[in-house]
Amino acid sequence: MWIRIKTDEGRRFSILVPLFMLRSPLMWRIAARYSGEGAQYMPAAKEMCAELSRYVKKHGHFVLVDVESAEGEKVKITV
């Protein structure tokens, strides 16, 4: 999964988040430890990530989010 950010000043940031990290038990233990009140959403988040992985495996990659602000900043998340 790529997270790409472009600011109105022309700066660009790209962050690669491999999908296997979303399936890692270690990642979910760390997330549960630091989520606080958000821990109630962990089962739904795990199921959502599993479904996302199944979809990509069957249909291929796609654009999840493509947003542009009024100031010209852009955020694009490609799975």
PDB file of N, CA and C in Angstrom:
ATOM      1  N   MET A   1       0.858  -1.156   0.000  1.00  0.00           N
ATOM      2  CA  MET A   1       0.000   0.000   0.000  1.00  0.00           C
ATOM      3  C   MET A   1       0.909   1.224   0.000  1.00  0.00           C
ATOM      4  N   TRP A   2       0.640   2.156  -0.892  1.00  0.00           N
ATOM      5  CA  TRP A   2       1.399   3.402  -0.957  1.00  0.00           C
ATOM      6  C   TRP A   2       0.554   4.541  -0.422  1.00  0.00           C
ATOM      7  N   ILE A   3       1.167   5.379   0.386  1.00  0.00           N
ATOM      8  CA  ILE A   3       0.542   6.616   0.848  1.00  0.00           C
ATOM      9  C   ILE A   3       1.378   7.742   0.263  1.00  0.00           C
ATOM     10  N   ARG A   4       0.760   8.543  -0.601  1.00  0.00           N
ATOM     11  CA  ARG A   4       1.477   9.639  -1.260  1.00  0.00           C
ATOM     12  C   ARG A   4       0.843  10.964  -0.856  1.00  0.00           C
ATOM     13  N   ILE A   5       1.701  11.902  -0.457  1.00  0.00           N
ATOM     14  CA  ILE A   5       1.247  13.219  -0.022  1.00  0.00           C
ATOM     15  C   ILE A   5       2.005  14.264  -0.817  1.00  0.00           C
ATOM     16  N   LYS A   6       1.285  15.242  -1.363  1.00  0.00           N
ATOM     17  CA  LYS A   6       1.898  16.346  -2.086  1.00  0.00           C
ATOM     18  C   LYS A   6       1.383  17.644  -1.480  1.00  0.00           C
ATOM     19  N   THR A   7       2.304  18.479  -0.994  1.00  0.00           N
ATOM     20  CA  THR A   7       1.910  19.741  -0.372  1.00  0.00           C
ATOM     21  C   THR A   7       1.787  20.823  -1.429  1.00  0.00           C
ATOM     22  N   ASP A   8       1.185  21.947  -1.042  1.00  0.00           N
ATOM     23  CA  ASP A   8       1.021  23.052  -1.978  1.00  0.00           C
ATOM     24  C   ASP A   8       2.347  23.737  -2.300  1.00  0.00           C
ATOM     25  N   GLU A   9       3.379  23.516  -1.481  1.00  0.00           N
ATOM     26  CA  GLU A   9       4.702  24.078  -1.759  1.00  0.00           C
ATOM     27  C   GLU A   9       5.494  23.212  -2.727  1.00  0.00           C
ATOM     28  N   GLY A  10       4.946  22.080  -3.153  1.00  0.00           N
ATOM     29  CA  GLY A  10       5.621  21.210  -4.096  1.00  0.00           C
ATOM     30  C   GLY A  10       6.359  20.048  -3.458  1.00  0.00           C
ATOM     31  N   ARG A  11       6.361  19.953  -2.144  1.00  0.00           N
ATOM     32  CA  ARG A  11       7.020  18.818  -1.484  1.00  0.00           C
ATOM     33  C   ARG A  11       6.183  17.567  -1.677  1.00  0.00           C
ATOM     34  N   ARG A  12       6.873  16.439  -1.827  1.00  0.00           N
ATOM     35  CA  ARG A  12       6.198  15.163  -1.992  1.00  0.00           C
ATOM     36  C   ARG A  12       6.746  14.155  -0.993  1.00  0.00           C
ATOM     37  N   PHE A  13       5.839  13.360  -0.440  1.00  0.00           N
ATOM     38  CA  PHE A  13       6.210  12.294   0.477  1.00  0.00           C
ATOM     39  C   PHE A  13       5.536  11.018   0.001  1.00  0.00           C
ATOM     40  N   SER A  14       6.257   9.932  -0.015  1.00  0.00           N
ATOM     41  CA  SER A  14       5.697   8.625  -0.346  1.00  0.00           C
ATOM     42  C   SER A  14       6.103   7.645   0.737  1.00  0.00           C
ATOM     43  N   ILE A  15       5.121   6.927   1.254  1.00  0.00           N
ATOM     44  CA  ILE A  15       5.362   5.955   2.316  1.00  0.00           C
ATOM     45  C   ILE A  15       4.823   4.612   1.841  1.00  0.00           C
ATOM     46  N   LEU A  16       5.645   3.594   1.880  1.00  0.00           N
ATOM     47  CA  LEU A  16       5.233   2.240   1.518  1.00  0.00           C
ATOM     48  C   LEU A  16       4.876   1.477   2.784  1.00  0.00           C
ATOM     49  N   VAL A  17       3.660   0.952   2.832  1.00  0.00           N
ATOM     50  CA  VAL A  17       3.215   0.111   3.952  1.00  0.00           C
ATOM     51  C   VAL A  17       2.828  -1.237   3.350  1.00  0.00           C
ATOM     52  N   PRO A  18       3.692  -2.246   3.460  1.00  0.00           N
ATOM     53  CA  PRO A  18       3.385  -3.554   2.879  1.00  0.00           C
ATOM     54  C   PRO A  18       2.139  -4.174   3.517  1.00  0.00           C
ATOM     55  N   LEU A  19       1.318  -4.814   2.703  1.00  0.00           N
ATOM     56  CA  LEU A  19       0.091  -5.415   3.213  1.00  0.00           C
ATOM     57  C   LEU A  19       0.360  -6.545   4.203  1.00  0.00           C
ATOM     58  N   PHE A  20       1.517  -7.203   4.090  1.00  0.00           N
ATOM     59  CA  PHE A  20       1.796  -8.283   5.046  1.00  0.00           C
ATOM     60  C   PHE A  20       1.895  -7.739   6.469  1.00  0.00           C
ATOM     61  N   MET A  21       2.223  -6.456   6.620  1.00  0.00           N
ATOM     62  CA  MET A  21       2.273  -5.871   7.963  1.00  0.00           C
ATOM     63  C   MET A  21       0.884  -5.810   8.584  1.00  0.00           C
ATOM     64  N   LEU A  22      -0.152  -5.668   7.758  1.00  0.00           N
ATOM     65  CA  LEU A  22      -1.515  -5.628   8.277  1.00  0.00           C
ATOM     66  C   LEU A  22      -1.970  -6.994   8.777  1.00  0.00           C
ATOM     67  N   ARG A  23      -1.296  -8.063   8.349  1.00  0.00           N
ATOM     68  CA  ARG A  23      -1.643  -9.414   8.785  1.00  0.00           C
ATOM     69  C   ARG A  23      -0.744  -9.907   9.904  1.00  0.00           C
ATOM     70  N   SER A  24       0.205  -9.123  10.324  1.00  0.00           N
ATOM     71  CA  SER A  24       1.185  -9.541  11.319  1.00  0.00           C
ATOM     72  C   SER A  24       0.595  -9.514  12.732  1.00  0.00           C
ATOM     73  N   PRO A  25       0.655 -10.637  13.451  1.00  0.00           N
ATOM     74  CA  PRO A  25       0.175 -10.648  14.841  1.00  0.00           C
ATOM     75  C   PRO A  25       0.950  -9.670  15.726  1.00  0.00           C
ATOM     76  N   LEU A  26       2.239  -9.488  15.457  1.00  0.00           N
ATOM     77  CA  LEU A  26       3.037  -8.552  16.237  1.00  0.00           C
ATOM     78  C   LEU A  26       2.501  -7.128  16.082  1.00  0.00           C
ATOM     79  N   MET A  27       2.158  -6.749  14.863  1.00  0.00           N
ATOM     80  CA  MET A  27       1.618  -5.407  14.632  1.00  0.00           C
ATOM     81  C   MET A  27       0.319  -5.207  15.391  1.00  0.00           C
ATOM     82  N   TRP A  28      -0.540  -6.231  15.411  1.00  0.00           N
ATOM     83  CA  TRP A  28      -1.822  -6.108  16.101  1.00  0.00           C
ATOM     84  C   TRP A  28      -1.650  -6.060  17.620  1.00  0.00           C
ATOM     85  N   ARG A  29      -0.647  -6.777  18.155  1.00  0.00           N
ATOM     86  CA  ARG A  29      -0.373  -6.685  19.602  1.00  0.00           C
ATOM     87  C   ARG A  29       0.097  -5.281  19.972  1.00  0.00           C
ATOM     88  N   ILE A  30       0.972  -4.703  19.148  1.00  0.00           N
ATOM     89  CA  ILE A  30       1.453  -3.342  19.407  1.00  0.00           C
ATOM     90  C   ILE A  30       0.302  -2.353  19.310  1.00  0.00           C
ATOM     91  N   ALA A  31      -0.545  -2.505  18.300  1.00  0.00           N
ATOM     92  CA  ALA A  31      -1.689  -1.604  18.140  1.00  0.00           C
ATOM     93  C   ALA A  31      -2.642  -1.717  19.322  1.00  0.00           C
ATOM     94  N   ALA A  32      -2.876  -2.934  19.811  1.00  0.00           N
ATOM     95  CA  ALA A  32      -3.771  -3.121  20.957  1.00  0.00           C
ATOM     96  C   ALA A  32      -3.193  -2.491  22.214  1.00  0.00           C
ATOM     97  N   ARG A  33      -1.889  -2.564  22.370  1.00  0.00           N
ATOM     98  CA  ARG A  33      -1.240  -2.007  23.559  1.00  0.00           C
ATOM     99  C   ARG A  33      -1.392  -0.489  23.622  1.00  0.00           C
ATOM    100  N   TYR A  34      -1.286   0.175  22.488  1.00  0.00           N
ATOM    101  CA  TYR A  34      -1.292   1.634  22.472  1.00  0.00           C
ATOM    102  C   TYR A  34      -2.606   2.250  22.012  1.00  0.00           C
ATOM    103  N   SER A  35      -3.624   1.457  21.796  1.00  0.00           N
ATOM    104  CA  SER A  35      -4.875   2.013  21.276  1.00  0.00           C
ATOM    105  C   SER A  35      -5.760   2.624  22.351  1.00  0.00           C
ATOM    106  N   GLY A  36      -5.597   2.239  23.605  1.00  0.00           N
ATOM    107  CA  GLY A  36      -6.409   2.815  24.683  1.00  0.00           C
ATOM    108  C   GLY A  36      -7.879   2.496  24.486  1.00  0.00           C
ATOM    109  N   GLU A  37      -8.716   3.527  24.378  1.00  0.00           N
ATOM    110  CA  GLU A  37     -10.154   3.338  24.215  1.00  0.00           C
ATOM    111  C   GLU A  37     -10.502   2.784  22.840  1.00  0.00           C
ATOM    112  N   GLY A  38      -9.603   2.913  21.890  1.00  0.00           N
ATOM    113  CA  GLY A  38      -9.855   2.408  20.547  1.00  0.00           C
ATOM    114  C   GLY A  38      -9.748   0.903  20.433  1.00  0.00           C
ATOM    115  N   ALA A  39      -9.410   0.217  21.523  1.00  0.00           N
ATOM    116  CA  ALA A  39      -9.261  -1.237  21.509  1.00  0.00           C
ATOM    117  C   ALA A  39     -10.566  -1.941  21.150  1.00  0.00           C
ATOM    118  N   GLN A  40     -11.683  -1.315  21.398  1.00  0.00           N
ATOM    119  CA  GLN A  40     -12.971  -1.933  21.073  1.00  0.00           C
ATOM    120  C   GLN A  40     -13.160  -2.109  19.572  1.00  0.00           C
ATOM    121  N   TYR A  41     -12.409  -1.354  18.766  1.00  0.00           N
ATOM    122  CA  TYR A  41     -12.529  -1.434  17.316  1.00  0.00           C
ATOM    123  C   TYR A  41     -11.530  -2.411  16.691  1.00  0.00           C
ATOM    124  N   MET A  42     -10.677  -3.022  17.483  1.00  0.00           N
ATOM    125  CA  MET A  42      -9.640  -3.908  16.964  1.00  0.00           C
ATOM    126  C   MET A  42     -10.200  -5.101  16.184  1.00  0.00           C
ATOM    127  N   PRO A  43     -11.216  -5.813  16.667  1.00  0.00           N
ATOM    128  CA  PRO A  43     -11.727  -6.938  15.875  1.00  0.00           C
ATOM    129  C   PRO A  43     -12.250  -6.510  14.504  1.00  0.00           C
ATOM    130  N   ALA A  44     -12.937  -5.392  14.442  1.00  0.00           N
ATOM    131  CA  ALA A  44     -13.451  -4.899  13.162  1.00  0.00           C
ATOM    132  C   ALA A  44     -12.302  -4.473  12.249  1.00  0.00           C
ATOM    133  N   ALA A  45     -11.278  -3.853  12.809  1.00  0.00           N
ATOM    134  CA  ALA A  45     -10.131  -3.425  12.010  1.00  0.00           C
ATOM    135  C   ALA A  45      -9.379  -4.625  11.453  1.00  0.00           C
ATOM    136  N   LYS A  46      -9.226  -5.680  12.256  1.00  0.00           N
ATOM    137  CA  LYS A  46      -8.556  -6.893  11.790  1.00  0.00           C
ATOM    138  C   LYS A  46      -9.320  -7.532  10.637  1.00  0.00           C
ATOM    139  N   GLU A  47     -10.636  -7.604  10.771  1.00  0.00           N
ATOM    140  CA  GLU A  47     -11.459  -8.187   9.710  1.00  0.00           C
ATOM    141  C   GLU A  47     -11.403  -7.328   8.444  1.00  0.00           C
ATOM    142  N   MET A  48     -11.404  -6.022   8.615  1.00  0.00           N
ATOM    143  CA  MET A  48     -11.326  -5.116   7.472  1.00  0.00           C
ATOM    144  C   MET A  48     -10.003  -5.298   6.723  1.00  0.00           C
ATOM    145  N   CYS A  49      -8.909  -5.423   7.446  1.00  0.00           N
ATOM    146  CA  CYS A  49      -7.595  -5.617   6.813  1.00  0.00           C
ATOM    147  C   CYS A  49      -7.518  -6.965   6.114  1.00  0.00           C
ATOM    148  N   ALA A  50      -8.103  -7.994   6.710  1.00  0.00           N
ATOM    149  CA  ALA A  50      -8.118  -9.309   6.076  1.00  0.00           C
ATOM    150  C   ALA A  50      -8.923  -9.265   4.782  1.00  0.00           C
ATOM    151  N   GLU A  51     -10.059  -8.595   4.803  1.00  0.00           N
ATOM    152  CA  GLU A  51     -10.886  -8.472   3.601  1.00  0.00           C
ATOM    153  C   GLU A  51     -10.174  -7.652   2.525  1.00  0.00           C
ATOM    154  N   LEU A  52      -9.465  -6.627   2.926  1.00  0.00           N
ATOM    155  CA  LEU A  52      -8.685  -5.818   1.987  1.00  0.00           C
ATOM    156  C   LEU A  52      -7.618  -6.664   1.299  1.00  0.00           C
ATOM    157  N   SER A  53      -6.940  -7.506   2.057  1.00  0.00           N
ATOM    158  CA  SER A  53      -5.924  -8.391   1.490  1.00  0.00           C
ATOM    159  C   SER A  53      -6.541  -9.392   0.517  1.00  0.00           C
ATOM    160  N   ARG A  54      -7.706  -9.954   0.874  1.00  0.00           N
ATOM    161  CA  ARG A  54      -8.376 -10.891  -0.027  1.00  0.00           C
ATOM    162  C   ARG A  54      -8.802 -10.208  -1.321  1.00  0.00           C
ATOM    163  N   TYR A  55      -9.301  -8.974  -1.210  1.00  0.00           N
ATOM    164  CA  TYR A  55      -9.744  -8.239  -2.398  1.00  0.00           C
ATOM    165  C   TYR A  55      -8.576  -7.963  -3.338  1.00  0.00           C
ATOM    166  N   VAL A  56      -7.452  -7.516  -2.784  1.00  0.00           N
ATOM    167  CA  VAL A  56      -6.272  -7.222  -3.608  1.00  0.00           C
ATOM    168  C   VAL A  56      -5.760  -8.492  -4.272  1.00  0.00           C
ATOM    169  N   LYS A  57      -5.795  -9.595  -3.559  1.00  0.00           N
ATOM    170  CA  LYS A  57      -5.331 -10.860  -4.128  1.00  0.00           C
ATOM    171  C   LYS A  57      -6.203 -11.290  -5.308  1.00  0.00           C
ATOM    172  N   LYS A  58      -7.507 -11.051  -5.203  1.00  0.00           N
ATOM    173  CA  LYS A  58      -8.433 -11.482  -6.243  1.00  0.00           C
ATOM    174  C   LYS A  58      -8.532 -10.487  -7.396  1.00  0.00           C
ATOM    175  N   HIS A  59      -8.582  -9.182  -7.106  1.00  0.00           N
ATOM    176  CA  HIS A  59      -8.865  -8.171  -8.132  1.00  0.00           C
ATOM    177  C   HIS A  59      -7.694  -7.273  -8.487  1.00  0.00           C
ATOM    178  N   GLY A  60      -6.650  -7.264  -7.697  1.00  0.00           N
ATOM    179  CA  GLY A  60      -5.505  -6.397  -7.973  1.00  0.00           C
ATOM    180  C   GLY A  60      -5.571  -5.091  -7.187  1.00  0.00           C
ATOM    181  N   HIS A  61      -4.601  -4.244  -7.420  1.00  0.00           N
ATOM    182  CA  HIS A  61      -4.473  -2.995  -6.660  1.00  0.00           C
ATOM    183  C   HIS A  61      -5.480  -1.948  -7.129  1.00  0.00           C
ATOM    184  N   PHE A  62      -5.790  -0.994  -6.258  1.00  0.00           N
ATOM    185  CA  PHE A  62      -6.757   0.051  -6.555  1.00  0.00           C
ATOM    186  C   PHE A  62      -6.479   1.285  -5.705  1.00  0.00           C
ATOM    187  N   VAL A  63      -7.095   2.401  -6.068  1.00  0.00           N
ATOM    188  CA  VAL A  63      -6.957   3.647  -5.310  1.00  0.00           C
ATOM    189  C   VAL A  63      -8.036   3.670  -4.234  1.00  0.00           C
ATOM    190  N   LEU A  64      -7.607   3.755  -2.978  1.00  0.00           N
ATOM    191  CA  LEU A  64      -8.534   3.763  -1.848  1.00  0.00           C
ATOM    192  C   LEU A  64      -9.000   5.180  -1.535  1.00  0.00           C
ATOM    193  N   VAL A  65      -8.056   6.132  -1.532  1.00  0.00           N
ATOM    194  CA  VAL A  65      -8.364   7.531  -1.222  1.00  0.00           C
ATOM    195  C   VAL A  65      -7.616   8.424  -2.201  1.00  0.00           C
ATOM    196  N   ASP A  66      -8.312   9.428  -2.725  1.00  0.00           N
ATOM    197  CA  ASP A  66      -7.691  10.429  -3.588  1.00  0.00           C
ATOM    198  C   ASP A  66      -8.363  11.760  -3.265  1.00  0.00           C
ATOM    199  N   VAL A  67      -7.700  12.579  -2.451  1.00  0.00           N
ATOM    200  CA  VAL A  67      -8.289  13.810  -1.926  1.00  0.00           C
ATOM    201  C   VAL A  67      -7.384  14.989  -2.241  1.00  0.00           C
ATOM    202  N   GLU A  68      -7.991  16.127  -2.595  1.00  0.00           N
ATOM    203  CA  GLU A  68      -7.244  17.366  -2.793  1.00  0.00           C
ATOM    204  C   GLU A  68      -7.921  18.469  -1.983  1.00  0.00           C
ATOM    205  N   SER A  69      -7.132  19.190  -1.182  1.00  0.00           N
ATOM    206  CA  SER A  69      -7.684  20.259  -0.345  1.00  0.00           C
ATOM    207  C   SER A  69      -7.786  21.548  -1.156  1.00  0.00           C
ATOM    208  N   ALA A  70      -8.450  22.534  -0.593  1.00  0.00           N
ATOM    209  CA  ALA A  70      -8.598  23.833  -1.248  1.00  0.00           C
ATOM    210  C   ALA A  70      -7.256  24.544  -1.379  1.00  0.00           C
ATOM    211  N   GLU A  71      -6.308  24.223  -0.484  1.00  0.00           N
ATOM    212  CA  GLU A  71      -4.981  24.843  -0.527  1.00  0.00           C
ATOM    213  C   GLU A  71      -4.062  24.170  -1.544  1.00  0.00           C
ATOM    214  N   GLY A  72      -4.511  23.094  -2.178  1.00  0.00           N
ATOM    215  CA  GLY A  72      -3.702  22.422  -3.186  1.00  0.00           C
ATOM    216  C   GLY A  72      -2.931  21.219  -2.687  1.00  0.00           C
ATOM    217  N   GLU A  73      -3.131  20.816  -1.444  1.00  0.00           N
ATOM    218  CA  GLU A  73      -2.457  19.632  -0.914  1.00  0.00           C
ATOM    219  C   GLU A  73      -3.239  18.393  -1.367  1.00  0.00           C
ATOM    220  N   LYS A  74      -2.498  17.348  -1.717  1.00  0.00           N
ATOM    221  CA  LYS A  74      -3.118  16.128  -2.214  1.00  0.00           C
ATOM    222  C   LYS A  74      -2.680  14.938  -1.372  1.00  0.00           C
ATOM    223  N   VAL A  75      -3.608  14.020  -1.138  1.00  0.00           N
ATOM    224  CA  VAL A  75      -3.321  12.755  -0.464  1.00  0.00           C
ATOM    225  C   VAL A  75      -3.924  11.649  -1.325  1.00  0.00           C
ATOM    226  N   LYS A  76      -3.098  10.664  -1.643  1.00  0.00           N
ATOM    227  CA  LYS A  76      -3.552   9.533  -2.451  1.00  0.00           C
ATOM    228  C   LYS A  76      -3.051   8.256  -1.785  1.00  0.00           C
ATOM    229  N   ILE A  77      -3.976   7.334  -1.503  1.00  0.00           N
ATOM    230  CA  ILE A  77      -3.620   6.045  -0.924  1.00  0.00           C
ATOM    231  C   ILE A  77      -3.981   4.979  -1.940  1.00  0.00           C
ATOM    232  N   THR A  78      -2.958   4.271  -2.408  1.00  0.00           N
ATOM    233  CA  THR A  78      -3.128   3.198  -3.374  1.00  0.00           C
ATOM    234  C   THR A  78      -2.833   1.875  -2.694  1.00  0.00           C
ATOM    235  N   VAL A  79      -3.793   0.970  -2.776  1.00  0.00           N
ATOM    236  CA  VAL A  79      -3.634  -0.356  -2.167  1.00  0.00           C
ATOM    237  C   VAL A  79      -3.256  -1.325  -3.273  1.00  0.00           C
TER     238      VAL A  79
END
